[in-house]
Protein backbone atom coordinates (compact mmCIF):
# COMPACT_ATOMS: atom_id res chain seq x y z
CA MET A 1 133.72 119.50 89.92
CA SER A 2 130.61 117.50 88.99
CA ASP A 3 127.07 118.57 89.56
CA ALA A 4 124.82 116.30 91.69
CA ARG A 5 122.37 116.00 88.79
CA THR A 6 125.05 114.63 86.51
CA ALA A 7 126.66 112.32 89.07
CA ALA A 8 127.22 108.69 88.21
CA PRO A 9 124.67 106.17 89.44
CA VAL A 10 125.22 104.69 92.88
CA THR A 11 126.20 101.02 92.91
CA THR A 12 124.62 98.86 95.60
CA THR A 13 126.30 95.91 97.31
CA ALA A 14 124.46 93.48 95.03
CA GLY A 15 126.04 95.11 92.01
CA ALA A 16 122.76 96.61 90.78
CA SER A 17 122.82 100.21 89.67
CA ALA A 18 120.50 102.74 91.30
CA PRO A 19 119.94 106.28 90.05
CA ALA A 20 121.54 109.15 91.97
CA GLU A 21 119.38 110.80 94.60
CA PRO A 22 116.92 113.37 93.26
CA ASP A 23 117.24 117.03 94.24
CA THR A 24 114.22 116.86 96.54
CA TRP A 25 113.03 113.89 98.55
CA LEU A 26 109.38 113.47 99.50
CA PRO A 27 108.20 110.83 101.94
CA THR A 28 106.05 108.09 100.51
CA PRO A 29 102.40 107.80 101.57
CA ALA A 30 103.44 104.81 103.69
CA HIS A 31 105.68 107.09 105.77
CA VAL A 32 102.85 109.60 106.19
CA ILE A 33 100.71 106.83 107.72
CA TYR A 34 103.39 104.69 109.41
CA ILE A 35 105.22 107.36 111.42
CA PRO A 36 102.14 108.91 113.08
CA ALA A 37 100.74 105.42 113.71
CA MET A 38 103.95 104.39 115.50
CA LEU A 39 103.92 107.61 117.54
CA LEU A 40 100.31 106.96 118.53
CA LEU A 41 101.12 103.37 119.43
CA GLY A 42 104.02 104.58 121.59
CA LEU A 43 101.74 107.03 123.38
CA VAL A 44 99.15 104.34 124.08
CA VAL A 45 101.73 101.83 125.34
CA GLY A 46 103.46 104.49 127.46
CA TYR A 47 100.18 105.66 128.95
CA THR A 48 99.14 102.09 129.73
CA LEU A 49 102.44 101.13 131.36
CA GLY A 50 102.63 104.44 133.23
CA ALA A 51 99.08 104.11 134.56
CA ARG A 52 99.81 100.55 135.69
CA ALA A 53 102.94 101.71 137.51
CA VAL A 54 101.06 104.53 139.26
CA ARG A 55 98.29 102.16 140.40
CA ALA A 56 100.88 99.72 141.75
CA GLU A 57 102.69 102.51 143.61
CA GLN A 58 99.41 103.77 145.11
CA GLU A 59 98.61 100.25 146.28
CA ARG A 60 102.05 99.94 147.90
CA ALA A 61 101.52 103.29 149.65
CA ARG A 62 98.13 102.10 150.97
CA GLN A 63 99.75 98.90 152.24
CA ARG A 64 102.42 100.89 154.11
CA LEU A 65 99.77 103.09 155.74
CA ARG A 66 97.82 100.04 156.93
CA GLU A 67 100.89 98.58 158.63
């Protein structure tokens, strides 16, 4: 049985050789910025679309009451 630290390098589809995965994986600084930024963007877009939908529904309700 081979140990993960002594495993053979992984071969990619292009034929290039990449080292085996390290024992611990840490996210890059780009991930630390990108993931929260995408979550924040999703919150802003969701809030905007949700608020627009609520305003439209309130307007429809007002129109029904006028009729």
